[in-house]
Amino acid sequence: MTNGNIRNGRATMARRTLIGGAAGLLATHASATAQAGWPNRPVRIVVGQPAGSGTDLLARSLAPYLTAAFGQPFVVENRPGAAGVLAAAAVAQATDGHTLGIVLGGPTTTARALNPSLPYDPASDFRAVSLLTRVPFVLAVPQGLLPVPSLAAWIDHVRAHPGQLSYASIGAGTVTHLAMEELKARLGIDLVHVPYRGFPPATLDLVAGRVQAMFTVPSEAVPQLADRRLVALAQTGPRRLAQLSTVPTLEEAGLPDSAFFGWAGVVAPASFPADIAEKLAATLRVTLETKPDSRGGLDRVGNEILGTEPAQLAALQVQEAARWNAVIARLGLRGTD
């Protein structure tokens, strides 16, 4: 065995020891939390996207591990609609101490800027628990829309058909909506917004040509690209995904300062105890690190798997609110846009 192999072997053993020790510590923490009274009944995980969506798969993959760690069932409840606001409201207004949510950003960042009568305050009615994943989007169009697919050709095609083409989003106020509106303003193009209740139904209509563009997620786009049902024009991260190595970023395609991501995070009502949120975040982090099947397959289609401390999700929400609320104000958008 070479010195390099010995060093690698020792490093691997050290990592395994560290992870094993962390897992044991988490089991002790979870047991102590249960003895302290939480959870003493089933825990709801409210998801604002439909069954079969990436967020739903992630929630259902994590639930059995949380059940094992905390000794009570963790039950996923899908409540799609209103761009995730219905699900977020259910979490914000819960008083049982046993309701969590997995949100995609808008409901806890931009929802009030679009809807002043929102029944909760995104900035104060939630406790951040953990940022689970981060992922760039893919700007995709139906196969056959363009003779020679490229971002420049798509822009020319849209300019030649002002107001005649549409784009899909997963709801007003989501990044899939706000980013396209920002792109429209930046390029001076006219597309009609068609909101959907999640990526699966929006992607189906995109494939069928009922809408002509969308910022979708790799988990939805990659299979359709492989089957030549969709064409990818650009991706929104600062660098190319390995799964989409031939697809340029927006910046490479000539749009500087255009990188953005989607993300999923666990939140609880503001009254949720901070110490339990910390323990829950620690359990999520080690589960995602050590149990590949807890990731819902998202790591295989471009998602960065994280599992952060509560403070990191809280900081991201503040940053995202500042960025996208500025877009809403600058463009004069409303919840029906």
C-alpha atoms as a PDB file:
ATOM      1  CA  MET A   1       0.000   0.000   0.000  1.00  0.00           C
ATOM      2  CA  THR A   2       1.390   3.412  -0.970  1.00  0.00           C
ATOM      3  CA  ASN A   3       1.683   6.325   1.460  1.00  0.00           C
ATOM      4  CA  GLY A   4      -1.092   8.070  -0.457  1.00  0.00           C
ATOM      5  CA  ASN A   5      -3.377   5.060  -0.074  1.00  0.00           C
ATOM      6  CA  ILE A   6      -2.533   4.837   3.626  1.00  0.00           C
ATOM      7  CA  ARG A   7      -3.388   8.507   4.100  1.00  0.00           C
ATOM      8  CA  ASN A   8      -6.627   8.077   2.128  1.00  0.00           C
ATOM      9  CA  GLY A   9      -7.494   4.980   4.144  1.00  0.00           C
ATOM     10  CA  ARG A  10      -6.861   6.751   7.431  1.00  0.00           C
ATOM     11  CA  ALA A  11      -8.903   9.751   6.269  1.00  0.00           C
ATOM     12  CA  THR A  12     -11.762   7.465   5.283  1.00  0.00           C
ATOM     13  CA  MET A  13     -11.627   5.682   8.653  1.00  0.00           C
ATOM     14  CA  ALA A  14     -11.574   9.022  10.431  1.00  0.00           C
ATOM     15  CA  ARG A  15     -14.610  10.220   8.487  1.00  0.00           C
ATOM     16  CA  ARG A  16     -16.462   6.997   9.248  1.00  0.00           C
ATOM     17  CA  THR A  17     -15.579   7.299  12.918  1.00  0.00           C
ATOM     18  CA  LEU A  18     -16.746  10.903  12.953  1.00  0.00           C
ATOM     19  CA  ILE A  19     -20.005  10.101  11.205  1.00  0.00           C
ATOM     20  CA  GLY A  20     -20.609   7.079  13.411  1.00  0.00           C
ATOM     21  CA  GLY A  21     -19.972   9.138  16.516  1.00  0.00           C
ATOM     22  CA  ALA A  22     -22.260  11.885  15.255  1.00  0.00           C
ATOM     23  CA  ALA A  23     -25.007   9.388  14.508  1.00  0.00           C
ATOM     24  CA  GLY A  24     -24.711   7.953  18.007  1.00  0.00           C
ATOM     25  CA  LEU A  25     -24.813  11.427  19.505  1.00  0.00           C
ATOM     26  CA  LEU A  26     -27.892  12.274  17.464  1.00  0.00           C
ATOM     27  CA  ALA A  27     -29.660   9.153  18.658  1.00  0.00           C
ATOM     28  CA  THR A  28     -28.907  10.208  22.232  1.00  0.00           C
ATOM     29  CA  HIS A  29     -30.163  13.746  21.507  1.00  0.00           C
ATOM     30  CA  ALA A  30     -33.336  12.451  19.884  1.00  0.00           C
ATOM     31  CA  SER A  31     -33.990  10.122  22.818  1.00  0.00           C
ATOM     32  CA  ALA A  32     -33.466  12.939  25.303  1.00  0.00           C
ATOM     33  CA  THR A  33     -35.793  15.193  23.308  1.00  0.00           C
ATOM     34  CA  ALA A  34     -38.488  12.503  23.269  1.00  0.00           C
ATOM     35  CA  GLN A  35     -38.107  12.061  27.020  1.00  0.00           C
ATOM     36  CA  ALA A  36     -38.495  15.817  27.435  1.00  0.00           C
ATOM     37  CA  GLY A  37     -41.877  15.592  25.695  1.00  0.00           C
ATOM     38  CA  TRP A  38     -41.248  16.170  21.994  1.00  0.00           C
ATOM     39  CA  PRO A  39     -42.595  14.595  19.989  1.00  0.00           C
ATOM     40  CA  ASN A  40     -45.389  13.020  22.013  1.00  0.00           C
ATOM     41  CA  ARG A  41     -47.696  12.530  19.040  1.00  0.00           C
ATOM     42  CA  PRO A  42     -47.370  12.139  15.243  1.00  0.00           C
ATOM     43  CA  VAL A  43     -45.591  15.011  13.461  1.00  0.00           C
ATOM     44  CA  ARG A  44     -47.019  16.491  10.266  1.00  0.00           C
ATOM     45  CA  ILE A  45     -44.697  17.527   7.443  1.00  0.00           C
ATOM     46  CA  VAL A  46     -46.776  19.817   5.235  1.00  0.00           C
ATOM     47  CA  VAL A  47     -45.576  20.040   1.627  1.00  0.00           C
ATOM     48  CA  GLY A  48     -46.901  22.689  -0.726  1.00  0.00           C
ATOM     49  CA  GLN A  49     -46.245  20.647  -3.860  1.00  0.00           C
ATOM     50  CA  PRO A  50     -48.209  17.717  -5.267  1.00  0.00           C
ATOM     51  CA  ALA A  51     -47.450  14.048  -4.795  1.00  0.00           C
ATOM     52  CA  GLY A  52     -44.639  12.912  -7.065  1.00  0.00           C
ATOM     53  CA  SER A  53     -42.829  16.249  -7.062  1.00  0.00           C
ATOM     54  CA  GLY A  54     -39.187  16.392  -6.013  1.00  0.00           C
ATOM     55  CA  THR A  55     -40.053  18.021  -2.695  1.00  0.00           C
ATOM     56  CA  ASP A  56     -42.666  15.368  -2.003  1.00  0.00           C
ATOM     57  CA  LEU A  57     -40.182  12.575  -2.741  1.00  0.00           C
ATOM     58  CA  LEU A  58     -37.614  14.194  -0.458  1.00  0.00           C
ATOM     59  CA  ALA A  59     -40.130  14.545   2.379  1.00  0.00           C
ATOM     60  CA  ARG A  60     -41.297  10.943   2.047  1.00  0.00           C
ATOM     61  CA  SER A  61     -37.732   9.670   1.904  1.00  0.00           C
ATOM     62  CA  LEU A  62     -36.780  11.535   5.079  1.00  0.00           C
ATOM     63  CA  ALA A  63     -39.923  10.686   7.063  1.00  0.00           C
ATOM     64  CA  PRO A  64     -39.031   7.054   7.977  1.00  0.00           C
ATOM     65  CA  TYR A  65     -35.639   8.117   9.330  1.00  0.00           C
ATOM     66  CA  LEU A  66     -37.187  10.870  11.429  1.00  0.00           C
ATOM     67  CA  THR A  67     -39.755   8.391  12.702  1.00  0.00           C
ATOM     68  CA  ALA A  68     -36.973   6.007  13.747  1.00  0.00           C
ATOM     69  CA  ALA A  69     -34.902   8.768  15.358  1.00  0.00           C
ATOM     70  CA  PHE A  70     -37.685  10.412  17.360  1.00  0.00           C
ATOM     71  CA  GLY A  71     -40.013   7.507  18.114  1.00  0.00           C
ATOM     72  CA  GLN A  72     -43.179   9.016  16.660  1.00  0.00           C
ATOM     73  CA  PRO A  73     -44.600   8.878  13.118  1.00  0.00           C
ATOM     74  CA  PHE A  74     -43.620  11.706  10.756  1.00  0.00           C
ATOM     75  CA  VAL A  75     -46.480  11.933   8.252  1.00  0.00           C
ATOM     76  CA  VAL A  76     -46.274  13.846   4.953  1.00  0.00           C
ATOM     77  CA  GLU A  77     -49.321  15.907   4.021  1.00  0.00           C
ATOM     78  CA  ASN A  78     -49.534  17.409   0.524  1.00  0.00           C
ATOM     79  CA  ARG A  79     -51.316  20.739   0.386  1.00  0.00           C
ATOM     80  CA  PRO A  80     -50.557  22.236  -3.049  1.00  0.00           C
ATOM     81  CA  GLY A  81     -51.980  25.511  -4.267  1.00  0.00           C
ATOM     82  CA  ALA A  82     -51.384  29.262  -4.194  1.00  0.00           C
ATOM     83  CA  ALA A  83     -47.662  28.804  -4.934  1.00  0.00           C
ATOM     84  CA  GLY A  84     -47.112  27.032  -1.625  1.00  0.00           C
ATOM     85  CA  VAL A  85     -48.916  29.651   0.445  1.00  0.00           C
ATOM     86  CA  LEU A  86     -51.694  27.257   1.532  1.00  0.00           C
ATOM     87  CA  ALA A  87     -49.149  24.864   3.009  1.00  0.00           C
ATOM     88  CA  ALA A  88     -47.104  27.658   4.589  1.00  0.00           C
ATOM     89  CA  ALA A  89     -50.215  29.145   6.195  1.00  0.00           C
ATOM     90  CA  ALA A  90     -51.051  25.752   7.706  1.00  0.00           C
ATOM     91  CA  VAL A  91     -47.586  25.664   9.278  1.00  0.00           C
ATOM     92  CA  ALA A  92     -47.547  29.279  10.453  1.00  0.00           C
ATOM     93  CA  GLN A  93     -50.967  28.944  12.093  1.00  0.00           C
ATOM     94  CA  ALA A  94     -50.381  25.523  13.693  1.00  0.00           C
ATOM     95  CA  THR A  95     -50.521  25.522  17.496  1.00  0.00           C
ATOM     96  CA  ASP A  96     -49.979  21.830  18.242  1.00  0.00           C
ATOM     97  CA  GLY A  97     -46.172  22.027  18.329  1.00  0.00           C
ATOM     98  CA  HIS A  98     -46.016  19.033  15.988  1.00  0.00           C
ATOM     99  CA  THR A  99     -46.329  20.635  12.536  1.00  0.00           C
ATOM    100  CA  LEU A 100     -43.412  21.231  10.185  1.00  0.00           C
ATOM    101  CA  GLY A 101     -43.298  22.334   6.564  1.00  0.00           C
ATOM    102  CA  ILE A 102     -40.951  22.023   3.621  1.00  0.00           C
ATOM    103  CA  VAL A 103     -41.037  25.270   1.650  1.00  0.00           C
ATOM    104  CA  LEU A 104     -39.508  26.343  -1.650  1.00  0.00           C
ATOM    105  CA  GLY A 105     -38.858  29.946  -0.777  1.00  0.00           C
ATOM    106  CA  GLY A 106     -41.690  32.161  -1.949  1.00  0.00           C
ATOM    107  CA  PRO A 107     -44.093  31.536   0.952  1.00  0.00           C
ATOM    108  CA  THR A 108     -41.453  32.584   3.487  1.00  0.00           C
ATOM    109  CA  THR A 109     -39.807  35.369   1.453  1.00  0.00           C
ATOM    110  CA  THR A 110     -41.936  37.123  -1.188  1.00  0.00           C
ATOM    111  CA  ALA A 111     -45.544  36.133  -0.513  1.00  0.00           C
ATOM    112  CA  ARG A 112     -46.517  39.300   1.358  1.00  0.00           C
ATOM    113  CA  ALA A 113     -44.982  41.601  -1.257  1.00  0.00           C
ATOM    114  CA  LEU A 114     -47.329  40.013  -3.806  1.00  0.00           C
ATOM    115  CA  ASN A 115     -50.323  39.725  -1.485  1.00  0.00           C
ATOM    116  CA  PRO A 116     -50.616  42.331   1.311  1.00  0.00           C
ATOM    117  CA  SER A 117     -53.616  40.461   2.782  1.00  0.00           C
ATOM    118  CA  LEU A 118     -51.582  37.303   3.372  1.00  0.00           C
ATOM    119  CA  PRO A 119     -52.841  35.554   6.556  1.00  0.00           C
ATOM    120  CA  TYR A 120     -49.329  35.328   8.037  1.00  0.00           C
ATOM    121  CA  ASP A 121     -46.066  37.293   8.114  1.00  0.00           C
ATOM    122  CA  PRO A 122     -43.269  35.540   6.181  1.00  0.00           C
ATOM    123  CA  ALA A 123     -40.627  37.402   8.167  1.00  0.00           C
ATOM    124  CA  SER A 124     -41.850  36.629  11.695  1.00  0.00           C
ATOM    125  CA  ASP A 125     -44.269  33.678  11.731  1.00  0.00           C
ATOM    126  CA  PHE A 126     -41.764  30.888  11.061  1.00  0.00           C
ATOM    127  CA  ARG A 127     -38.789  29.315  12.755  1.00  0.00           C
ATOM    128  CA  ALA A 128     -36.119  28.177  10.333  1.00  0.00           C
ATOM    129  CA  VAL A 129     -34.984  24.579  10.904  1.00  0.00           C
ATOM    130  CA  SER A 130     -32.746  23.432   8.041  1.00  0.00           C
ATOM    131  CA  LEU A 131     -31.889  24.189   4.426  1.00  0.00           C
ATOM    132  CA  LEU A 132     -32.159  20.771   2.769  1.00  0.00           C
ATOM    133  CA  THR A 133     -31.222  21.291  -0.867  1.00  0.00           C
ATOM    134  CA  ARG A 134     -30.199  23.885  -3.424  1.00  0.00           C
ATOM    135  CA  VAL A 135     -30.488  23.507  -7.189  1.00  0.00           C
ATOM    136  CA  PRO A 136     -30.133  25.611 -10.347  1.00  0.00           C
ATOM    137  CA  PHE A 137     -33.002  25.767 -12.818  1.00  0.00           C
ATOM    138  CA  VAL A 138     -33.073  24.805 -16.482  1.00  0.00           C
ATOM    139  CA  LEU A 139     -34.664  27.059 -19.087  1.00  0.00           C
ATOM    140  CA  ALA A 140     -36.446  24.495 -21.251  1.00  0.00           C
ATOM    141  CA  VAL A 141     -38.691  24.649 -24.329  1.00  0.00           C
ATOM    142  CA  PRO A 142     -40.644  21.957 -26.188  1.00  0.00           C
ATOM    143  CA  GLN A 143     -38.852  19.886 -28.790  1.00  0.00           C
ATOM    144  CA  GLY A 144     -39.458  21.356 -32.251  1.00  0.00           C
ATOM    145  CA  LEU A 145     -40.189  24.908 -31.114  1.00  0.00           C
ATOM    146  CA  LEU A 146     -36.942  26.199 -32.620  1.00  0.00           C
ATOM    147  CA  PRO A 147     -35.186  25.005 -35.815  1.00  0.00           C
ATOM    148  CA  VAL A 148     -31.767  25.392 -34.168  1.00  0.00           C
ATOM    149  CA  PRO A 149     -32.209  25.587 -30.384  1.00  0.00           C
ATOM    150  CA  SER A 150     -30.233  28.223 -28.514  1.00  0.00           C
ATOM    151  CA  LEU A 151     -31.032  31.007 -26.083  1.00  0.00           C
ATOM    152  CA  ALA A 152     -30.453  33.615 -28.813  1.00  0.00           C
ATOM    153  CA  ALA A 153     -32.780  31.807 -31.219  1.00  0.00           C
ATOM    154  CA  TRP A 154     -35.461  31.572 -28.532  1.00  0.00           C
ATOM    155  CA  ILE A 155     -35.201  35.282 -27.779  1.00  0.00           C
ATOM    156  CA  ASP A 156     -35.594  36.077 -31.499  1.00  0.00           C
ATOM    157  CA  HIS A 157     -38.572  33.704 -31.728  1.00  0.00           C
ATOM    158  CA  VAL A 158     -40.338  35.315 -28.771  1.00  0.00           C
ATOM    159  CA  ARG A 159     -39.674  38.810 -30.121  1.00  0.00           C
ATOM    160  CA  ALA A 160     -41.217  37.758 -33.434  1.00  0.00           C
ATOM    161  CA  HIS A 161     -44.405  36.613 -31.611  1.00  0.00           C
ATOM    162  CA  PRO A 162     -45.062  39.254 -28.922  1.00  0.00           C
ATOM    163  CA  GLY A 163     -47.782  38.215 -26.491  1.00  0.00           C
ATOM    164  CA  GLN A 164     -48.522  35.009 -28.442  1.00  0.00           C
ATOM    165  CA  LEU A 165     -46.352  32.622 -26.450  1.00  0.00           C
ATOM    166  CA  SER A 166     -46.581  31.611 -22.799  1.00  0.00           C
ATOM    167  CA  TYR A 167     -44.379  30.336 -20.017  1.00  0.00           C
ATOM    168  CA  ALA A 168     -45.158  28.072 -17.075  1.00  0.00           C
ATOM    169  CA  SER A 169     -44.343  28.601 -13.420  1.00  0.00           C
ATOM    170  CA  ILE A 170     -45.208  26.730 -10.243  1.00  0.00           C
ATOM    171  CA  GLY A 171     -47.122  29.768  -9.007  1.00  0.00           C
ATOM    172  CA  ALA A 172     -47.073  33.532  -8.678  1.00  0.00           C
ATOM    173  CA  GLY A 173     -44.277  34.654  -6.393  1.00  0.00           C
ATOM    174  CA  THR A 174     -42.132  31.558  -6.882  1.00  0.00           C
ATOM    175  CA  VAL A 175     -38.663  31.961  -8.335  1.00  0.00           C
ATOM    176  CA  THR A 176     -39.880  30.268 -11.526  1.00  0.00           C
ATOM    177  CA  HIS A 177     -42.253  33.219 -11.958  1.00  0.00           C
ATOM    178  CA  LEU A 178     -40.119  36.094 -10.702  1.00  0.00           C
ATOM    179  CA  ALA A 179     -36.996  35.060 -12.601  1.00  0.00           C
ATOM    180  CA  MET A 180     -38.870  34.863 -15.896  1.00  0.00           C
ATOM    181  CA  GLU A 181     -40.477  38.244 -15.316  1.00  0.00           C
ATOM    182  CA  GLU A 182     -37.044  39.684 -14.613  1.00  0.00           C
ATOM    183  CA  LEU A 183     -35.704  38.039 -17.785  1.00  0.00           C
ATOM    184  CA  LYS A 184     -38.618  39.441 -19.802  1.00  0.00           C
ATOM    185  CA  ALA A 185     -37.876  42.962 -18.566  1.00  0.00           C
ATOM    186  CA  ARG A 186     -34.172  42.588 -19.174  1.00  0.00           C
ATOM    187  CA  LEU A 187     -34.614  41.318 -22.749  1.00  0.00           C
ATOM    188  CA  GLY A 188     -37.686  43.349 -23.675  1.00  0.00           C
ATOM    189  CA  ILE A 189     -39.760  40.286 -24.572  1.00  0.00           C
ATOM    190  CA  ASP A 190     -43.461  39.564 -24.066  1.00  0.00           C
ATOM    191  CA  LEU A 191     -44.595  36.179 -22.708  1.00  0.00           C
ATOM    192  CA  VAL A 192     -47.873  35.293 -20.990  1.00  0.00           C
ATOM    193  CA  HIS A 193     -47.583  33.792 -17.496  1.00  0.00           C
ATOM    194  CA  VAL A 194     -49.421  30.501 -16.823  1.00  0.00           C
ATOM    195  CA  PRO A 195     -49.123  29.328 -13.176  1.00  0.00           C
ATOM    196  CA  TYR A 196     -49.377  25.656 -12.178  1.00  0.00           C
ATOM    197  CA  ARG A 197     -49.579  23.737  -8.896  1.00  0.00           C
ATOM    198  CA  GLY A 198     -46.156  22.172  -9.164  1.00  0.00           C
ATOM    199  CA  PHE A 199     -43.430  21.035 -11.532  1.00  0.00           C
ATOM    200  CA  PRO A 200     -45.032  17.741 -12.700  1.00  0.00           C
ATOM    201  CA  PRO A 201     -48.204  19.252 -14.242  1.00  0.00           C
ATOM    202  CA  ALA A 202     -46.287  22.242 -15.613  1.00  0.00           C
ATOM    203  CA  THR A 203     -43.705  19.977 -17.226  1.00  0.00           C
ATOM    204  CA  LEU A 204     -46.422  17.832 -18.816  1.00  0.00           C
ATOM    205  CA  ASP A 205     -47.931  20.891 -20.498  1.00  0.00           C
ATOM    206  CA  LEU A 206     -44.476  22.106 -21.520  1.00  0.00           C
ATOM    207  CA  VAL A 207     -43.745  18.766 -23.200  1.00  0.00           C
ATOM    208  CA  ALA A 208     -47.142  18.927 -24.933  1.00  0.00           C
ATOM    209  CA  GLY A 209     -46.438  22.454 -26.196  1.00  0.00           C
ATOM    210  CA  ARG A 210     -49.382  24.027 -24.374  1.00  0.00           C
ATOM    211  CA  VAL A 211     -46.836  26.419 -22.851  1.00  0.00           C
ATOM    212  CA  GLN A 212     -43.633  27.323 -24.651  1.00  0.00           C
ATOM    213  CA  ALA A 213     -40.996  27.858 -21.949  1.00  0.00           C
ATOM    214  CA  MET A 214     -40.248  27.279 -18.293  1.00  0.00           C
ATOM    215  CA  PHE A 215     -37.564  27.493 -15.659  1.00  0.00           C
ATOM    216  CA  THR A 216     -37.851  23.924 -14.431  1.00  0.00           C
ATOM    217  CA  VAL A 217     -35.735  21.786 -12.120  1.00  0.00           C
ATOM    218  CA  PRO A 218     -33.234  19.170 -13.339  1.00  0.00           C
ATOM    219  CA  SER A 219     -35.216  16.339 -11.724  1.00  0.00           C
ATOM    220  CA  GLU A 220     -38.067  17.148 -14.105  1.00  0.00           C
ATOM    221  CA  ALA A 221     -35.990  18.244 -17.095  1.00  0.00           C
ATOM    222  CA  VAL A 222     -33.303  15.547 -17.351  1.00  0.00           C
ATOM    223  CA  PRO A 223     -35.632  12.601 -18.179  1.00  0.00           C
ATOM    224  CA  GLN A 224     -37.520  14.683 -20.755  1.00  0.00           C
ATOM    225  CA  LEU A 225     -34.265  15.882 -22.301  1.00  0.00           C
ATOM    226  CA  ALA A 226     -33.028  12.306 -22.541  1.00  0.00           C
ATOM    227  CA  ASP A 227     -36.242  11.313 -24.327  1.00  0.00           C
ATOM    228  CA  ARG A 228     -35.898  14.343 -26.663  1.00  0.00           C
ATOM    229  CA  ARG A 229     -39.207  15.799 -25.541  1.00  0.00           C
ATOM    230  CA  LEU A 230     -37.676  19.008 -24.230  1.00  0.00           C
ATOM    231  CA  VAL A 231     -34.699  21.127 -25.233  1.00  0.00           C
ATOM    232  CA  ALA A 232     -32.549  22.916 -22.642  1.00  0.00           C
ATOM    233  CA  LEU A 233     -31.436  26.412 -23.634  1.00  0.00           C
ATOM    234  CA  ALA A 234     -29.583  27.459 -20.476  1.00  0.00           C
ATOM    235  CA  GLN A 235     -29.106  26.691 -16.806  1.00  0.00           C
ATOM    236  CA  THR A 236     -29.126  29.235 -14.006  1.00  0.00           C
ATOM    237  CA  GLY A 237     -26.222  28.253 -11.777  1.00  0.00           C
ATOM    238  CA  PRO A 238     -22.781  29.887 -11.836  1.00  0.00           C
ATOM    239  CA  ARG A 239     -21.347  26.734 -13.470  1.00  0.00           C
ATOM    240  CA  ARG A 240     -22.653  23.828 -15.516  1.00  0.00           C
ATOM    241  CA  LEU A 241     -24.117  20.759 -13.856  1.00  0.00           C
ATOM    242  CA  ALA A 242     -22.387  17.476 -14.655  1.00  0.00           C
ATOM    243  CA  GLN A 243     -25.759  16.079 -15.758  1.00  0.00           C
ATOM    244  CA  LEU A 244     -26.150  18.983 -18.217  1.00  0.00           C
ATOM    245  CA  SER A 245     -22.567  19.511 -19.286  1.00  0.00           C
ATOM    246  CA  THR A 246     -23.484  20.639 -22.816  1.00  0.00           C
ATOM    247  CA  VAL A 247     -26.009  23.256 -21.671  1.00  0.00           C
ATOM    248  CA  PRO A 248     -24.542  26.754 -21.142  1.00  0.00           C
ATOM    249  CA  THR A 249     -25.256  28.872 -18.106  1.00  0.00           C
ATOM    250  CA  LEU A 250     -27.186  32.106 -18.566  1.00  0.00           C
ATOM    251  CA  GLU A 251     -23.945  33.981 -17.982  1.00  0.00           C
ATOM    252  CA  GLU A 252     -22.143  31.966 -20.657  1.00  0.00           C
ATOM    253  CA  ALA A 253     -25.042  32.732 -22.994  1.00  0.00           C
ATOM    254  CA  GLY A 254     -24.437  36.456 -22.594  1.00  0.00           C
ATOM    255  CA  LEU A 255     -26.465  37.474 -19.519  1.00  0.00           C
ATOM    256  CA  PRO A 256     -24.051  38.521 -16.758  1.00  0.00           C
ATOM    257  CA  ASP A 257     -25.103  38.573 -13.079  1.00  0.00           C
ATOM    258  CA  SER A 258     -28.003  36.242 -13.770  1.00  0.00           C
ATOM    259  CA  ALA A 259     -27.238  33.215 -11.571  1.00  0.00           C
ATOM    260  CA  PHE A 260     -29.985  32.046  -9.198  1.00  0.00           C
ATOM    261  CA  PHE A 261     -31.108  28.866  -7.456  1.00  0.00           C
ATOM    262  CA  GLY A 262     -34.149  27.131  -6.138  1.00  0.00           C
ATOM    263  CA  TRP A 263     -34.044  25.668  -2.650  1.00  0.00           C
ATOM    264  CA  ALA A 264     -36.056  23.643  -0.164  1.00  0.00           C
ATOM    265  CA  GLY A 265     -36.017  24.158   3.579  1.00  0.00           C
ATOM    266  CA  VAL A 266     -37.746  22.871   6.685  1.00  0.00           C
ATOM    267  CA  VAL A 267     -39.625  25.441   8.738  1.00  0.00           C
ATOM    268  CA  ALA A 268     -41.850  25.356  11.812  1.00  0.00           C
ATOM    269  CA  PRO A 269     -44.185  27.859  13.467  1.00  0.00           C
ATOM    270  CA  ALA A 270     -42.399  30.735  15.209  1.00  0.00           C
ATOM    271  CA  SER A 271     -43.378  29.262  18.598  1.00  0.00           C
ATOM    272  CA  PHE A 272     -41.447  26.049  17.908  1.00  0.00           C
ATOM    273  CA  PRO A 273     -38.684  25.692  20.537  1.00  0.00           C
ATOM    274  CA  ALA A 274     -35.230  26.688  19.318  1.00  0.00           C
ATOM    275  CA  ASP A 275     -33.474  23.779  21.028  1.00  0.00           C
ATOM    276  CA  ILE A 276     -35.735  21.229  19.340  1.00  0.00           C
ATOM    277  CA  ALA A 277     -35.170  22.944  15.981  1.00  0.00           C
ATOM    278  CA  GLU A 278     -31.411  22.555  16.518  1.00  0.00           C
ATOM    279  CA  LYS A 279     -31.744  18.854  17.360  1.00  0.00           C
ATOM    280  CA  LEU A 280     -34.056  18.275  14.397  1.00  0.00           C
ATOM    281  CA  ALA A 281     -31.596  20.036  12.087  1.00  0.00           C
ATOM    282  CA  ALA A 282     -28.743  17.873  13.392  1.00  0.00           C
ATOM    283  CA  THR A 283     -30.767  14.706  12.751  1.00  0.00           C
ATOM    284  CA  LEU A 284     -31.582  15.863   9.225  1.00  0.00           C
ATOM    285  CA  ARG A 285     -27.963  16.695   8.497  1.00  0.00           C
ATOM    286  CA  VAL A 286     -26.562  13.317   9.516  1.00  0.00           C
ATOM    287  CA  THR A 287     -29.430  11.467   7.827  1.00  0.00           C
ATOM    288  CA  LEU A 288     -28.782  13.218   4.522  1.00  0.00           C
ATOM    289  CA  GLU A 289     -25.035  12.655   4.850  1.00  0.00           C
ATOM    290  CA  THR A 290     -25.149   8.975   5.749  1.00  0.00           C
ATOM    291  CA  LYS A 291     -28.369   7.611   4.204  1.00  0.00           C
ATOM    292  CA  PRO A 292     -28.347   8.103   0.413  1.00  0.00           C
ATOM    293  CA  ASP A 293     -31.916   6.851   0.041  1.00  0.00           C
ATOM    294  CA  SER A 294     -33.127   9.696   2.289  1.00  0.00           C
ATOM    295  CA  ARG A 295     -32.441  12.209  -0.505  1.00  0.00           C
ATOM    296  CA  GLY A 296     -35.366  11.233  -2.725  1.00  0.00           C
ATOM    297  CA  GLY A 297     -32.995  10.716  -5.654  1.00  0.00           C
ATOM    298  CA  LEU A 298     -32.453  14.476  -5.947  1.00  0.00           C
ATOM    299  CA  ASP A 299     -28.688  14.170  -5.586  1.00  0.00           C
ATOM    300  CA  ARG A 300     -28.637  12.210  -8.851  1.00  0.00           C
ATOM    301  CA  VAL A 301     -30.298  15.009 -10.839  1.00  0.00           C
ATOM    302  CA  GLY A 302     -28.314  18.080  -9.896  1.00  0.00           C
ATOM    303  CA  ASN A 303     -29.472  18.981  -6.386  1.00  0.00           C
ATOM    304  CA  GLU A 304     -26.849  19.981  -3.852  1.00  0.00           C
ATOM    305  CA  ILE A 305     -27.754  18.134  -0.645  1.00  0.00           C
ATOM    306  CA  LEU A 306     -27.100  20.304   2.410  1.00  0.00           C
ATOM    307  CA  GLY A 307     -28.885  19.809   5.734  1.00  0.00           C
ATOM    308  CA  THR A 308     -27.793  23.010   7.470  1.00  0.00           C
ATOM    309  CA  GLU A 309     -28.214  24.524  10.894  1.00  0.00           C
ATOM    310  CA  PRO A 310     -31.261  26.783  11.425  1.00  0.00           C
ATOM    311  CA  ALA A 311     -29.205  29.977  11.223  1.00  0.00           C
ATOM    312  CA  GLN A 312     -28.112  29.250   7.669  1.00  0.00           C
ATOM    313  CA  LEU A 313     -31.671  28.844   6.425  1.00  0.00           C
ATOM    314  CA  ALA A 314     -32.738  31.984   8.287  1.00  0.00           C
ATOM    315  CA  ALA A 315     -29.934  33.981   6.642  1.00  0.00           C
ATOM    316  CA  LEU A 316     -30.804  32.662   3.191  1.00  0.00           C
ATOM    317  CA  GLN A 317     -34.446  33.639   3.622  1.00  0.00           C
ATOM    318  CA  VAL A 318     -33.429  37.207   4.439  1.00  0.00           C
ATOM    319  CA  GLN A 319     -31.162  37.356   1.363  1.00  0.00           C
ATOM    320  CA  GLU A 320     -33.777  35.855  -0.944  1.00  0.00           C
ATOM    321  CA  ALA A 321     -36.487  38.188   0.355  1.00  0.00           C
ATOM    322  CA  ALA A 322     -34.293  41.219  -0.314  1.00  0.00           C
ATOM    323  CA  ARG A 323     -33.409  40.111  -3.838  1.00  0.00           C
ATOM    324  CA  TRP A 324     -36.808  39.013  -5.093  1.00  0.00           C
ATOM    325  CA  ASN A 325     -38.914  41.599  -3.262  1.00  0.00           C
ATOM    326  CA  ALA A 326     -36.818  44.218  -5.063  1.00  0.00           C
ATOM    327  CA  VAL A 327     -37.769  42.575  -8.378  1.00  0.00           C
ATOM    328  CA  ILE A 328     -41.441  42.598  -7.387  1.00  0.00           C
ATOM    329  CA  ALA A 329     -41.292  46.291  -6.512  1.00  0.00           C
ATOM    330  CA  ARG A 330     -39.294  47.272  -9.594  1.00  0.00           C
ATOM    331  CA  LEU A 331     -41.629  45.472 -11.986  1.00  0.00           C
ATOM    332  CA  GLY A 332     -44.848  46.271 -10.109  1.00  0.00           C
ATOM    333  CA  LEU A 333     -45.890  42.621  -9.880  1.00  0.00           C
ATOM    334  CA  ARG A 334     -48.962  41.340  -8.031  1.00  0.00           C
ATOM    335  CA  GLY A 335     -50.111  37.903  -6.993  1.00  0.00           C
ATOM    336  CA  THR A 336     -52.189  37.446 -10.144  1.00  0.00           C
ATOM    337  CA  ASP A 337     -49.303  38.268 -12.543  1.00  0.00           C
END
